[in-house]
Amino acid sequence: MAKLTRDEFISALKEMNLLEIKELVDAMKEEFGVDPSAVAVAAAPAGAAEETGPSVVTVTLVNAGAAKINVIKVIKEITGLGLKESKDIADNGGAVKEGISVDEANDIKAKLEEAGATVEVK
């Protein structure tokens, strides 16, 4: 049997309902003698650094708004993409810039909102 990657395992969990997940946890307890929920609770204090927020984020365009041309210009300026690619982002939404610092993301968000767009930082 092939080994599942972490992402494949999480994708499989997303497809399960609560009862199936509970049965999986019970089977893990039985097979390995470990309660996975106890491990998650014990690991929580170690994640204290996460409370400060992520250090790398993605700026996502939700809606270009009424002034789409201005938003396209800002996207083109920020990303260095061509006019067509910038227009596609403005039309369809999606990631404007990924893997950037929180400060840079806030600057980009401010520019896009000033142009009339609705933006999320994740």
PDB file of N, CA and C in Angstrom:
ATOM      1  N   MET A   1       0.843  -1.178   0.000  1.00  0.00           N
ATOM      2  CA  MET A   1       0.000   0.000   0.000  1.00  0.00           C
ATOM      3  C   MET A   1       0.888   1.241   0.000  1.00  0.00           C
ATOM      4  N   ALA A   2       0.555   2.218  -0.801  1.00  0.00           N
ATOM      5  CA  ALA A   2       1.333   3.441  -0.892  1.00  0.00           C
ATOM      6  C   ALA A   2       1.111   4.313   0.340  1.00  0.00           C
ATOM      7  N   LYS A   3       2.149   4.990   0.735  1.00  0.00           N
ATOM      8  CA  LYS A   3       2.084   5.875   1.891  1.00  0.00           C
ATOM      9  C   LYS A   3       1.374   7.170   1.498  1.00  0.00           C
ATOM     10  N   LEU A   4       0.420   7.603   2.328  1.00  0.00           N
ATOM     11  CA  LEU A   4      -0.297   8.843   2.071  1.00  0.00           C
ATOM     12  C   LEU A   4       0.532  10.026   2.538  1.00  0.00           C
ATOM     13  N   THR A   5       0.519  11.097   1.767  1.00  0.00           N
ATOM     14  CA  THR A   5       1.157  12.326   2.228  1.00  0.00           C
ATOM     15  C   THR A   5       0.215  13.015   3.195  1.00  0.00           C
ATOM     16  N   ARG A   6       0.737  13.975   3.896  1.00  0.00           N
ATOM     17  CA  ARG A   6      -0.075  14.735   4.854  1.00  0.00           C
ATOM     18  C   ARG A   6      -1.276  15.383   4.145  1.00  0.00           C
ATOM     19  N   ASP A   7      -1.030  15.995   2.984  1.00  0.00           N
ATOM     20  CA  ASP A   7      -2.100  16.663   2.243  1.00  0.00           C
ATOM     21  C   ASP A   7      -3.158  15.678   1.752  1.00  0.00           C
ATOM     22  N   GLU A   8      -2.721  14.503   1.316  1.00  0.00           N
ATOM     23  CA  GLU A   8      -3.677  13.485   0.866  1.00  0.00           C
ATOM     24  C   GLU A   8      -4.537  13.012   2.033  1.00  0.00           C
ATOM     25  N   PHE A   9      -3.905  12.855   3.203  1.00  0.00           N
ATOM     26  CA  PHE A   9      -4.638  12.412   4.388  1.00  0.00           C
ATOM     27  C   PHE A   9      -5.677  13.461   4.791  1.00  0.00           C
ATOM     28  N   ILE A  10      -5.289  14.724   4.781  1.00  0.00           N
ATOM     29  CA  ILE A  10      -6.222  15.802   5.139  1.00  0.00           C
ATOM     30  C   ILE A  10      -7.354  15.884   4.123  1.00  0.00           C
ATOM     31  N   SER A  11      -7.037  15.717   2.844  1.00  0.00           N
ATOM     32  CA  SER A  11      -8.085  15.728   1.814  1.00  0.00           C
ATOM     33  C   SER A  11      -9.088  14.602   2.050  1.00  0.00           C
ATOM     34  N   ALA A  12      -8.567  13.421   2.423  1.00  0.00           N
ATOM     35  CA  ALA A  12      -9.450  12.293   2.708  1.00  0.00           C
ATOM     36  C   ALA A  12     -10.333  12.591   3.921  1.00  0.00           C
ATOM     37  N   LEU A  13      -9.773  13.229   4.934  1.00  0.00           N
ATOM     38  CA  LEU A  13     -10.570  13.592   6.120  1.00  0.00           C
ATOM     39  C   LEU A  13     -11.686  14.569   5.765  1.00  0.00           C
ATOM     40  N   LYS A  14     -11.405  15.498   4.854  1.00  0.00           N
ATOM     41  CA  LYS A  14     -12.404  16.490   4.451  1.00  0.00           C
ATOM     42  C   LYS A  14     -13.613  15.831   3.798  1.00  0.00           C
ATOM     43  N   GLU A  15     -13.400  14.682   3.200  1.00  0.00           N
ATOM     44  CA  GLU A  15     -14.482  13.985   2.516  1.00  0.00           C
ATOM     45  C   GLU A  15     -15.321  13.135   3.467  1.00  0.00           C
ATOM     46  N   MET A  16     -14.856  12.972   4.712  1.00  0.00           N
ATOM     47  CA  MET A  16     -15.568  12.134   5.679  1.00  0.00           C
ATOM     48  C   MET A  16     -16.594  12.947   6.466  1.00  0.00           C
ATOM     49  N   ASN A  17     -17.635  12.241   6.938  1.00  0.00           N
ATOM     50  CA  ASN A  17     -18.575  12.896   7.839  1.00  0.00           C
ATOM     51  C   ASN A  17     -18.087  12.673   9.262  1.00  0.00           C
ATOM     52  N   LEU A  18     -18.746  13.290  10.228  1.00  0.00           N
ATOM     53  CA  LEU A  18     -18.314  13.204  11.616  1.00  0.00           C
ATOM     54  C   LEU A  18     -18.297  11.782  12.157  1.00  0.00           C
ATOM     55  N   LEU A  19     -19.259  10.994  11.800  1.00  0.00           N
ATOM     56  CA  LEU A  19     -19.311   9.617  12.287  1.00  0.00           C
ATOM     57  C   LEU A  19     -18.114   8.820  11.772  1.00  0.00           C
ATOM     58  N   GLU A  20     -17.777   9.012  10.505  1.00  0.00           N
ATOM     59  CA  GLU A  20     -16.628   8.311   9.934  1.00  0.00           C
ATOM     60  C   GLU A  20     -15.322   8.740  10.607  1.00  0.00           C
ATOM     61  N   ILE A  21     -15.197  10.022  10.917  1.00  0.00           N
ATOM     62  CA  ILE A  21     -13.999  10.518  11.593  1.00  0.00           C
ATOM     63  C   ILE A  21     -13.903   9.947  12.997  1.00  0.00           C
ATOM     64  N   LYS A  22     -15.047   9.872  13.700  1.00  0.00           N
ATOM     65  CA  LYS A  22     -15.049   9.297  15.041  1.00  0.00           C
ATOM     66  C   LYS A  22     -14.618   7.839  14.991  1.00  0.00           C
ATOM     67  N   GLU A  23     -15.126   7.098  14.004  1.00  0.00           N
ATOM     68  CA  GLU A  23     -14.738   5.693  13.850  1.00  0.00           C
ATOM     69  C   GLU A  23     -13.241   5.573  13.555  1.00  0.00           C
ATOM     70  N   LEU A  24     -12.707   6.494  12.773  1.00  0.00           N
ATOM     71  CA  LEU A  24     -11.280   6.497  12.477  1.00  0.00           C
ATOM     72  C   LEU A  24     -10.462   6.742  13.747  1.00  0.00           C
ATOM     73  N   VAL A  25     -10.874   7.707  14.553  1.00  0.00           N
ATOM     74  CA  VAL A  25     -10.179   8.003  15.812  1.00  0.00           C
ATOM     75  C   VAL A  25     -10.231   6.786  16.732  1.00  0.00           C
ATOM     76  N   ASP A  26     -11.394   6.157  16.821  1.00  0.00           N
ATOM     77  CA  ASP A  26     -11.525   4.958  17.653  1.00  0.00           C
ATOM     78  C   ASP A  26     -10.598   3.849  17.155  1.00  0.00           C
ATOM     79  N   ALA A  27     -10.510   3.680  15.845  1.00  0.00           N
ATOM     80  CA  ALA A  27      -9.638   2.653  15.280  1.00  0.00           C
ATOM     81  C   ALA A  27      -8.170   2.971  15.572  1.00  0.00           C
ATOM     82  N   MET A  28      -7.810   4.247  15.548  1.00  0.00           N
ATOM     83  CA  MET A  28      -6.434   4.640  15.867  1.00  0.00           C
ATOM     84  C   MET A  28      -6.117   4.352  17.332  1.00  0.00           C
ATOM     85  N   LYS A  29      -7.092   4.603  18.202  1.00  0.00           N
ATOM     86  CA  LYS A  29      -6.910   4.289  19.629  1.00  0.00           C
ATOM     87  C   LYS A  29      -6.656   2.801  19.793  1.00  0.00           C
ATOM     88  N   GLU A  30      -7.453   2.002  19.116  1.00  0.00           N
ATOM     89  CA  GLU A  30      -7.361   0.547  19.239  1.00  0.00           C
ATOM     90  C   GLU A  30      -6.053   0.021  18.633  1.00  0.00           C
ATOM     91  N   GLU A  31      -5.701   0.513  17.451  1.00  0.00           N
ATOM     92  CA  GLU A  31      -4.519   0.016  16.743  1.00  0.00           C
ATOM     93  C   GLU A  31      -3.212   0.428  17.406  1.00  0.00           C
ATOM     94  N   PHE A  32      -3.128   1.707  17.803  1.00  0.00           N
ATOM     95  CA  PHE A  32      -1.858   2.230  18.295  1.00  0.00           C
ATOM     96  C   PHE A  32      -1.828   2.454  19.810  1.00  0.00           C
ATOM     97  N   GLY A  33      -2.969   2.340  20.458  1.00  0.00           N
ATOM     98  CA  GLY A  33      -3.019   2.557  21.898  1.00  0.00           C
ATOM     99  C   GLY A  33      -2.806   4.007  22.289  1.00  0.00           C
ATOM    100  N   VAL A  34      -3.089   4.905  21.363  1.00  0.00           N
ATOM    101  CA  VAL A  34      -2.893   6.330  21.611  1.00  0.00           C
ATOM    102  C   VAL A  34      -4.171   7.067  21.260  1.00  0.00           C
ATOM    103  N   ASP A  35      -4.537   8.003  22.118  1.00  0.00           N
ATOM    104  CA  ASP A  35      -5.708   8.832  21.845  1.00  0.00           C
ATOM    105  C   ASP A  35      -5.237  10.063  21.074  1.00  0.00           C
ATOM    106  N   PRO A  36      -5.542  10.188  19.770  1.00  0.00           N
ATOM    107  CA  PRO A  36      -5.073  11.322  18.978  1.00  0.00           C
ATOM    108  C   PRO A  36      -5.540  12.667  19.529  1.00  0.00           C
ATOM    109  N   SER A  37      -6.714  12.696  20.149  1.00  0.00           N
ATOM    110  CA  SER A  37      -7.198  13.959  20.693  1.00  0.00           C
ATOM    111  C   SER A  37      -6.355  14.393  21.884  1.00  0.00           C
ATOM    112  N   ALA A  38      -5.825  13.454  22.665  1.00  0.00           N
ATOM    113  CA  ALA A  38      -4.967  13.797  23.795  1.00  0.00           C
ATOM    114  C   ALA A  38      -3.646  14.378  23.300  1.00  0.00           C
ATOM    115  N   VAL A  39      -3.140  13.876  22.191  1.00  0.00           N
ATOM    116  CA  VAL A  39      -1.897  14.383  21.619  1.00  0.00           C
ATOM    117  C   VAL A  39      -2.110  15.810  21.125  1.00  0.00           C
ATOM    118  N   ALA A  40      -3.244  16.071  20.504  1.00  0.00           N
ATOM    119  CA  ALA A  40      -3.535  17.412  19.991  1.00  0.00           C
ATOM    120  C   ALA A  40      -3.651  18.412  21.134  1.00  0.00           C
ATOM    121  N   VAL A  41      -4.272  18.013  22.232  1.00  0.00           N
ATOM    122  CA  VAL A  41      -4.413  18.907  23.381  1.00  0.00           C
ATOM    123  C   VAL A  41      -3.051  19.159  24.009  1.00  0.00           C
ATOM    124  N   ALA A  42      -2.220  18.139  24.114  1.00  0.00           N
ATOM    125  CA  ALA A  42      -0.895  18.295  24.704  1.00  0.00           C
ATOM    126  C   ALA A  42      -0.008  19.178  23.841  1.00  0.00           C
ATOM    127  N   ALA A  43      -0.200  19.154  22.549  1.00  0.00           N
ATOM    128  CA  ALA A  43       0.638  19.942  21.647  1.00  0.00           C
ATOM    129  C   ALA A  43       0.205  21.394  21.569  1.00  0.00           C
ATOM    130  N   ALA A  44      -0.976  21.723  22.025  1.00  0.00           N
ATOM    131  CA  ALA A  44      -1.492  23.078  21.891  1.00  0.00           C
ATOM    132  C   ALA A  44      -0.612  24.142  22.530  1.00  0.00           C
ATOM    133  N   PRO A  45      -0.087  23.972  23.749  1.00  0.00           N
ATOM    134  CA  PRO A  45       0.748  25.024  24.322  1.00  0.00           C
ATOM    135  C   PRO A  45       2.008  25.303  23.508  1.00  0.00           C
ATOM    136  N   ALA A  46       2.530  24.326  22.819  1.00  0.00           N
ATOM    137  CA  ALA A  46       3.716  24.539  22.005  1.00  0.00           C
ATOM    138  C   ALA A  46       3.437  25.479  20.842  1.00  0.00           C
ATOM    139  N   GLY A  47       2.193  25.611  20.440  1.00  0.00           N
ATOM    140  CA  GLY A  47       1.817  26.476  19.325  1.00  0.00           C
ATOM    141  C   GLY A  47       1.571  27.912  19.737  1.00  0.00           C
ATOM    142  N   ALA A  48       2.092  28.346  20.869  1.00  0.00           N
ATOM    143  CA  ALA A  48       1.849  29.707  21.345  1.00  0.00           C
ATOM    144  C   ALA A  48       2.340  30.757  20.363  1.00  0.00           C
ATOM    145  N   ALA A  49       3.375  30.442  19.598  1.00  0.00           N
ATOM    146  CA  ALA A  49       3.900  31.402  18.631  1.00  0.00           C
ATOM    147  C   ALA A  49       2.882  31.692  17.540  1.00  0.00           C
ATOM    148  N   GLU A  50       1.984  30.756  17.266  1.00  0.00           N
ATOM    149  CA  GLU A  50       0.986  30.950  16.221  1.00  0.00           C
ATOM    150  C   GLU A  50      -0.038  32.015  16.590  1.00  0.00           C
ATOM    151  N   GLU A  51      -0.180  32.318  17.860  1.00  0.00           N
ATOM    152  CA  GLU A  51      -1.166  33.303  18.294  1.00  0.00           C
ATOM    153  C   GLU A  51      -0.815  34.695  17.801  1.00  0.00           C
ATOM    154  N   THR A  52       0.452  34.946  17.494  1.00  0.00           N
ATOM    155  CA  THR A  52       0.854  36.252  17.015  1.00  0.00           C
ATOM    156  C   THR A  52       0.434  36.453  15.564  1.00  0.00           C
ATOM    157  N   GLY A  53       0.062  35.396  14.883  1.00  0.00           N
ATOM    158  CA  GLY A  53      -0.397  35.477  13.504  1.00  0.00           C
ATOM    159  C   GLY A  53       0.664  34.956  12.566  1.00  0.00           C
ATOM    160  N   PRO A  54       0.271  34.727  11.329  1.00  0.00           N
ATOM    161  CA  PRO A  54       1.218  34.178  10.359  1.00  0.00           C
ATOM    162  C   PRO A  54       2.235  35.232   9.935  1.00  0.00           C
ATOM    163  N   SER A  55       3.428  34.784   9.569  1.00  0.00           N
ATOM    164  CA  SER A  55       4.447  35.717   9.101  1.00  0.00           C
ATOM    165  C   SER A  55       4.404  35.865   7.584  1.00  0.00           C
ATOM    166  N   VAL A  56       3.770  34.902   6.917  1.00  0.00           N
ATOM    167  CA  VAL A  56       3.648  34.939   5.463  1.00  0.00           C
ATOM    168  C   VAL A  56       2.163  34.793   5.113  1.00  0.00           C
ATOM    169  N   VAL A  57       1.670  35.688   4.260  1.00  0.00           N
ATOM    170  CA  VAL A  57       0.236  35.695   3.928  1.00  0.00           C
ATOM    171  C   VAL A  57       0.033  35.811   2.419  1.00  0.00           C
ATOM    172  N   THR A  58      -1.233  35.692   2.024  1.00  0.00           N
ATOM    173  CA  THR A  58      -1.635  35.839   0.627  1.00  0.00           C
ATOM    174  C   THR A  58      -2.707  36.910   0.532  1.00  0.00           C
ATOM    175  N   VAL A  59      -2.586  37.795  -0.440  1.00  0.00           N
ATOM    176  CA  VAL A  59      -3.603  38.815  -0.704  1.00  0.00           C
ATOM    177  C   VAL A  59      -4.505  38.277  -1.798  1.00  0.00           C
ATOM    178  N   THR A  60      -5.809  38.196  -1.488  1.00  0.00           N
ATOM    179  CA  THR A  60      -6.776  37.632  -2.421  1.00  0.00           C
ATOM    180  C   THR A  60      -7.825  38.681  -2.783  1.00  0.00           C
ATOM    181  N   LEU A  61      -8.077  38.841  -4.067  1.00  0.00           N
ATOM    182  CA  LEU A  61      -9.106  39.754  -4.539  1.00  0.00           C
ATOM    183  C   LEU A  61     -10.452  39.047  -4.491  1.00  0.00           C
ATOM    184  N   VAL A  62     -11.396  39.619  -3.758  1.00  0.00           N
ATOM    185  CA  VAL A  62     -12.728  39.041  -3.655  1.00  0.00           C
ATOM    186  C   VAL A  62     -13.637  39.617  -4.728  1.00  0.00           C
ATOM    187  N   ASN A  63     -13.564  40.940  -4.921  1.00  0.00           N
ATOM    188  CA  ASN A  63     -14.429  41.614  -5.883  1.00  0.00           C
ATOM    189  C   ASN A  63     -13.715  42.871  -6.364  1.00  0.00           C
ATOM    190  N   ALA A  64     -13.716  43.115  -7.657  1.00  0.00           N
ATOM    191  CA  ALA A  64     -13.052  44.290  -8.217  1.00  0.00           C
ATOM    192  C   ALA A  64     -13.857  45.568  -8.017  1.00  0.00           C
ATOM    193  N   GLY A  65     -15.146  45.445  -7.757  1.00  0.00           N
ATOM    194  CA  GLY A  65     -15.973  46.626  -7.550  1.00  0.00           C
ATOM    195  C   GLY A  65     -16.343  47.310  -8.850  1.00  0.00           C
ATOM    196  N   ALA A  66     -16.868  48.523  -8.724  1.00  0.00           N
ATOM    197  CA  ALA A  66     -17.373  49.258  -9.883  1.00  0.00           C
ATOM    198  C   ALA A  66     -16.251  49.853 -10.730  1.00  0.00           C
ATOM    199  N   ALA A  67     -15.128  50.193 -10.100  1.00  0.00           N
ATOM    200  CA  ALA A  67     -14.015  50.818 -10.818  1.00  0.00           C
ATOM    201  C   ALA A  67     -12.984  49.768 -11.208  1.00  0.00           C
ATOM    202  N   LYS A  68     -13.409  48.807 -12.003  1.00  0.00           N
ATOM    203  CA  LYS A  68     -12.571  47.661 -12.344  1.00  0.00           C
ATOM    204  C   LYS A  68     -11.288  48.076 -13.068  1.00  0.00           C
ATOM    205  N   ILE A  69     -11.359  49.099 -13.894  1.00  0.00           N
ATOM    206  CA  ILE A  69     -10.177  49.536 -14.648  1.00  0.00           C
ATOM    207  C   ILE A  69      -9.077  49.986 -13.698  1.00  0.00           C
ATOM    208  N   ASN A  70      -9.454  50.747 -12.661  1.00  0.00           N
ATOM    209  CA  ASN A  70      -8.464  51.183 -11.681  1.00  0.00           C
ATOM    210  C   ASN A  70      -7.857  49.998 -10.938  1.00  0.00           C
ATOM    211  N   VAL A  71      -8.684  49.014 -10.625  1.00  0.00           N
ATOM    212  CA  VAL A  71      -8.211  47.815  -9.930  1.00  0.00           C
ATOM    213  C   VAL A  71      -7.248  47.040 -10.824  1.00  0.00           C
ATOM    214  N   ILE A  72      -7.554  46.918 -12.110  1.00  0.00           N
ATOM    215  CA  ILE A  72      -6.666  46.231 -13.057  1.00  0.00           C
ATOM    216  C   ILE A  72      -5.306  46.930 -13.093  1.00  0.00           C
ATOM    217  N   LYS A  73      -5.311  48.256 -13.114  1.00  0.00           N
ATOM    218  CA  LYS A  73      -4.056  49.012 -13.132  1.00  0.00           C
ATOM    219  C   LYS A  73      -3.226  48.741 -11.883  1.00  0.00           C
ATOM    220  N   VAL A  74      -3.884  48.694 -10.730  1.00  0.00           N
ATOM    221  CA  VAL A  74      -3.175  48.454  -9.478  1.00  0.00           C
ATOM    222  C   VAL A  74      -2.617  47.025  -9.458  1.00  0.00           C
ATOM    223  N   ILE A  75      -3.411  46.054  -9.887  1.00  0.00           N
ATOM    224  CA  ILE A  75      -2.938  44.659  -9.932  1.00  0.00           C
ATOM    225  C   ILE A  75      -1.722  44.553 -10.847  1.00  0.00           C
ATOM    226  N   LYS A  76      -1.790  45.197 -12.006  1.00  0.00           N
ATOM    227  CA  LYS A  76      -0.684  45.168 -12.970  1.00  0.00           C
ATOM    228  C   LYS A  76       0.566  45.777 -12.347  1.00  0.00           C
ATOM    229  N   GLU A  77       0.396  46.873 -11.646  1.00  0.00           N
ATOM    230  CA  GLU A  77       1.526  47.556 -11.000  1.00  0.00           C
ATOM    231  C   GLU A  77       2.145  46.680  -9.895  1.00  0.00           C
ATOM    232  N   ILE A  78       1.297  46.072  -9.076  1.00  0.00           N
ATOM    233  CA  ILE A  78       1.765  45.275  -7.930  1.00  0.00           C
ATOM    234  C   ILE A  78       2.453  43.996  -8.376  1.00  0.00           C
ATOM    235  N   THR A  79       1.855  43.304  -9.334  1.00  0.00           N
ATOM    236  CA  THR A  79       2.331  41.965  -9.699  1.00  0.00           C
ATOM    237  C   THR A  79       3.338  41.951 -10.841  1.00  0.00           C
ATOM    238  N   GLY A  80       3.297  42.973 -11.685  1.00  0.00           N
ATOM    239  CA  GLY A  80       4.158  42.968 -12.859  1.00  0.00           C
ATOM    240  C   GLY A  80       3.595  42.103 -13.978  1.00  0.00           C
ATOM    241  N   LEU A  81       2.351  41.650 -13.808  1.00  0.00           N
ATOM    242  CA  LEU A  81       1.696  40.846 -14.839  1.00  0.00           C
ATOM    243  C   LEU A  81       1.291  41.725 -16.013  1.00  0.00           C
ATOM    244  N   GLY A  82       0.952  41.085 -17.100  1.00  0.00           N
ATOM    245  CA  GLY A  82       0.457  41.800 -18.259  1.00  0.00           C
ATOM    246  C   GLY A  82      -0.988  42.227 -18.060  1.00  0.00           C
ATOM    247  N   LEU A  83      -1.483  43.010 -18.998  1.00  0.00           N
ATOM    248  CA  LEU A  83      -2.842  43.533 -18.912  1.00  0.00           C
ATOM    249  C   LEU A  83      -3.880  42.421 -18.885  1.00  0.00           C
ATOM    250  N   LYS A  84      -3.731  41.406 -19.740  1.00  0.00           N
ATOM    251  CA  LYS A  84      -4.710  40.315 -19.807  1.00  0.00           C
ATOM    252  C   LYS A  84      -4.755  39.540 -18.497  1.00  0.00           C
ATOM    253  N   GLU A  85      -3.569  39.202 -17.954  1.00  0.00           N
ATOM    254  CA  GLU A  85      -3.513  38.444 -16.704  1.00  0.00           C
ATOM    255  C   GLU A  85      -4.104  39.241 -15.542  1.00  0.00           C
ATOM    256  N   SER A  86      -3.803  40.540 -15.523  1.00  0.00           N
ATOM    257  CA  SER A  86      -4.343  41.409 -14.476  1.00  0.00           C
ATOM    258  C   SER A  86      -5.858  41.513 -14.587  1.00  0.00           C
ATOM    259  N   LYS A  87      -6.364  41.593 -15.828  1.00  0.00           N
ATOM    260  CA  LYS A  87      -7.805  41.656 -16.048  1.00  0.00           C
ATOM    261  C   LYS A  87      -8.468  40.356 -15.607  1.00  0.00           C
ATOM    262  N   ASP A  88      -7.826  39.219 -15.877  1.00  0.00           N
ATOM    263  CA  ASP A  88      -8.369  37.927 -15.452  1.00  0.00           C
ATOM    264  C   ASP A  88      -8.532  37.863 -13.934  1.00  0.00           C
ATOM    265  N   ILE A  89      -7.550  38.353 -13.196  1.00  0.00           N
ATOM    266  CA  ILE A  89      -7.655  38.381 -11.734  1.00  0.00           C
ATOM    267  C   ILE A  89      -8.790  39.300 -11.306  1.00  0.00           C
ATOM    268  N   ALA A  90      -8.904  40.465 -11.960  1.00  0.00           N
ATOM    269  CA  ALA A  90      -9.964  41.402 -11.610  1.00  0.00           C
ATOM    270  C   ALA A  90     -11.346  40.820 -11.918  1.00  0.00           C
ATOM    271  N   ASP A  91     -11.454  40.088 -13.019  1.00  0.00           N
ATOM    272  CA  ASP A  91     -12.737  39.500 -13.411  1.00  0.00           C
ATOM    273  C   ASP A  91     -13.133  38.314 -12.530  1.00  0.00           C
ATOM    274  N   ASN A  92     -12.160  37.460 -12.238  1.00  0.00           N
ATOM    275  CA  ASN A  92     -12.458  36.189 -11.574  1.00  0.00           C
ATOM    276  C   ASN A  92     -12.090  36.151 -10.102  1.00  0.00           C
ATOM    277  N   GLY A  93     -11.373  37.146  -9.625  1.00  0.00           N
ATOM    278  CA  GLY A  93     -10.893  37.118  -8.255  1.00  0.00           C
ATOM    279  C   GLY A  93      -9.731  36.147  -8.140  1.00  0.00           C
ATOM    280  N   GLY A  94      -9.242  35.979  -6.933  1.00  0.00           N
ATOM    281  CA  GLY A  94      -8.146  35.051  -6.708  1.00  0.00           C
ATOM    282  C   GLY A  94      -6.947  35.736  -6.112  1.00  0.00           C
ATOM    283  N   ALA A  95      -5.879  34.976  -5.978  1.00  0.00           N
ATOM    284  CA  ALA A  95      -4.665  35.467  -5.332  1.00  0.00           C
ATOM    285  C   ALA A  95      -4.005  36.546  -6.188  1.00  0.00           C
ATOM    286  N   VAL A  96      -3.747  37.678  -5.570  1.00  0.00           N
ATOM    287  CA  VAL A  96      -3.023  38.749  -6.236  1.00  0.00           C
ATOM    288  C   VAL A  96      -1.532  38.544  -6.009  1.00  0.00           C
ATOM    289  N   LYS A  97      -1.161  38.276  -4.762  1.00  0.00           N
ATOM    290  CA  LYS A  97       0.235  38.038  -4.426  1.00  0.00           C
ATOM    291  C   LYS A  97       0.287  37.062  -3.256  1.00  0.00           C
ATOM    292  N   GLU A  98       1.163  36.067  -3.352  1.00  0.00           N
ATOM    293  CA  GLU A  98       1.248  35.013  -2.343  1.00  0.00           C
ATOM    294  C   GLU A  98       2.617  35.005  -1.675  1.00  0.00           C
ATOM    295  N   GLY A  99       2.638  34.524  -0.426  1.00  0.00           N
ATOM    296  CA  GLY A  99       3.898  34.333   0.277  1.00  0.00           C
ATOM    297  C   GLY A  99       4.619  35.623   0.595  1.00  0.00           C
ATOM    298  N   ILE A 100       3.877  36.648   1.007  1.00  0.00           N
ATOM    299  CA  ILE A 100       4.490  37.943   1.305  1.00  0.00           C
ATOM    300  C   ILE A 100       4.331  38.266   2.784  1.00  0.00           C
ATOM    301  N   SER A 101       5.058  39.266   3.246  1.00  0.00           N
ATOM    302  CA  SER A 101       4.984  39.665   4.647  1.00  0.00           C
ATOM    303  C   SER A 101       3.645  40.348   4.923  1.00  0.00           C
ATOM    304  N   VAL A 102       3.293  40.385   6.188  1.00  0.00           N
ATOM    305  CA  VAL A 102       2.024  40.992   6.591  1.00  0.00           C
ATOM    306  C   VAL A 102       2.020  42.481   6.259  1.00  0.00           C
ATOM    307  N   ASP A 103       3.157  43.158   6.470  1.00  0.00           N
ATOM    308  CA  ASP A 103       3.229  44.594   6.168  1.00  0.00           C
ATOM    309  C   ASP A 103       3.020  44.867   4.677  1.00  0.00           C
ATOM    310  N   GLU A 104       3.681  44.086   3.840  1.00  0.00           N
ATOM    311  CA  GLU A 104       3.512  44.247   2.393  1.00  0.00           C
ATOM    312  C   GLU A 104       2.069  43.954   1.990  1.00  0.00           C
ATOM    313  N   ALA A 105       1.477  42.922   2.604  1.00  0.00           N
ATOM    314  CA  ALA A 105       0.086  42.564   2.302  1.00  0.00           C
ATOM    315  C   ALA A 105      -0.864  43.700   2.676  1.00  0.00           C
ATOM    316  N   ASN A 106      -0.615  44.332   3.809  1.00  0.00           N
ATOM    317  CA  ASN A 106      -1.476  45.447   4.230  1.00  0.00           C
ATOM    318  C   ASN A 106      -1.342  46.632   3.285  1.00  0.00           C
ATOM    319  N   ASP A 107      -0.127  46.890   2.773  1.00  0.00           N
ATOM    320  CA  ASP A 107       0.065  47.969   1.797  1.00  0.00           C
ATOM    321  C   ASP A 107      -0.694  47.678   0.506  1.00  0.00           C
ATOM    322  N   ILE A 108      -0.583  46.437   0.027  1.00  0.00           N
ATOM    323  CA  ILE A 108      -1.275  46.035  -1.200  1.00  0.00           C
ATOM    324  C   ILE A 108      -2.783  46.119  -1.006  1.00  0.00           C
ATOM    325  N   LYS A 109      -3.253  45.649   0.152  1.00  0.00           N
ATOM    326  CA  LYS A 109      -4.687  45.698   0.448  1.00  0.00           C
ATOM    327  C   LYS A 109      -5.182  47.136   0.422  1.00  0.00           C
ATOM    328  N   ALA A 110      -4.426  48.044   1.016  1.00  0.00           N
ATOM    329  CA  ALA A 110      -4.822  49.459   1.048  1.00  0.00           C
ATOM    330  C   ALA A 110      -4.906  50.039  -0.361  1.00  0.00           C
ATOM    331  N   LYS A 111      -3.920  49.704  -1.211  1.00  0.00           N
ATOM    332  CA  LYS A 111      -3.933  50.211  -2.596  1.00  0.00           C
ATOM    333  C   LYS A 111      -5.152  49.689  -3.363  1.00  0.00           C
ATOM    334  N   LEU A 112      -5.433  48.392  -3.215  1.00  0.00           N
ATOM    335  CA  LEU A 112      -6.565  47.805  -3.938  1.00  0.00           C
ATOM    336  C   LEU A 112      -7.897  48.336  -3.424  1.00  0.00           C
ATOM    337  N   GLU A 113      -8.018  48.506  -2.113  1.00  0.00           N
ATOM    338  CA  GLU A 113      -9.263  49.040  -1.563  1.00  0.00           C
ATOM    339  C   GLU A 113      -9.458  50.500  -1.964  1.00  0.00           C
ATOM    340  N   GLU A 114      -8.375  51.241  -2.062  1.00  0.00           N
ATOM    341  CA  GLU A 114      -8.457  52.629  -2.516  1.00  0.00           C
ATOM    342  C   GLU A 114      -8.958  52.693  -3.961  1.00  0.00           C
ATOM    343  N   ALA A 115      -8.602  51.676  -4.745  1.00  0.00           N
ATOM    344  CA  ALA A 115      -9.052  51.605  -6.140  1.00  0.00           C
ATOM    345  C   ALA A 115     -10.490  51.108  -6.242  1.00  0.00           C
ATOM    346  N   GLY A 116     -11.068  50.611  -5.133  1.00  0.00           N
ATOM    347  CA  GLY A 116     -12.468  50.193  -5.123  1.00  0.00           C
ATOM    348  C   GLY A 116     -12.694  48.702  -5.009  1.00  0.00           C
ATOM    349  N   ALA A 117     -11.639  47.943  -4.763  1.00  0.00           N
ATOM    350  CA  ALA A 117     -11.766  46.483  -4.690  1.00  0.00           C
ATOM    351  C   ALA A 117     -12.058  46.017  -3.263  1.00  0.00           C
ATOM    352  N   THR A 118     -12.588  44.809  -3.167  1.00  0.00           N
ATOM    353  CA  THR A 118     -12.759  44.125  -1.889  1.00  0.00           C
ATOM    354  C   THR A 118     -11.666  43.062  -1.822  1.00  0.00           C
ATOM    355  N   VAL A 119     -10.881  43.075  -0.725  1.00  0.00           N
ATOM    356  CA  VAL A 119      -9.685  42.251  -0.632  1.00  0.00           C
ATOM    357  C   VAL A 119      -9.655  41.506   0.696  1.00  0.00           C
ATOM    358  N   GLU A 120      -9.104  40.286   0.697  1.00  0.00           N
ATOM    359  CA  GLU A 120      -8.866  39.518   1.907  1.00  0.00           C
ATOM    360  C   GLU A 120      -7.382  39.235   2.036  1.00  0.00           C
ATOM    361  N   VAL A 121      -6.894  39.234   3.279  1.00  0.00           N
ATOM    362  CA  VAL A 121      -5.529  38.829   3.556  1.00  0.00           C
ATOM    363  C   VAL A 121      -5.608  37.564   4.386  1.00  0.00           C
ATOM    364  N   LYS A 122      -5.031  36.490   3.860  1.00  0.00           N
ATOM    365  CA  LYS A 122      -5.081  35.191   4.556  1.00  0.00           C
ATOM    366  C   LYS A 122      -3.672  34.729   4.831  1.00  0.00           C
TER     367      LYS A 122
END
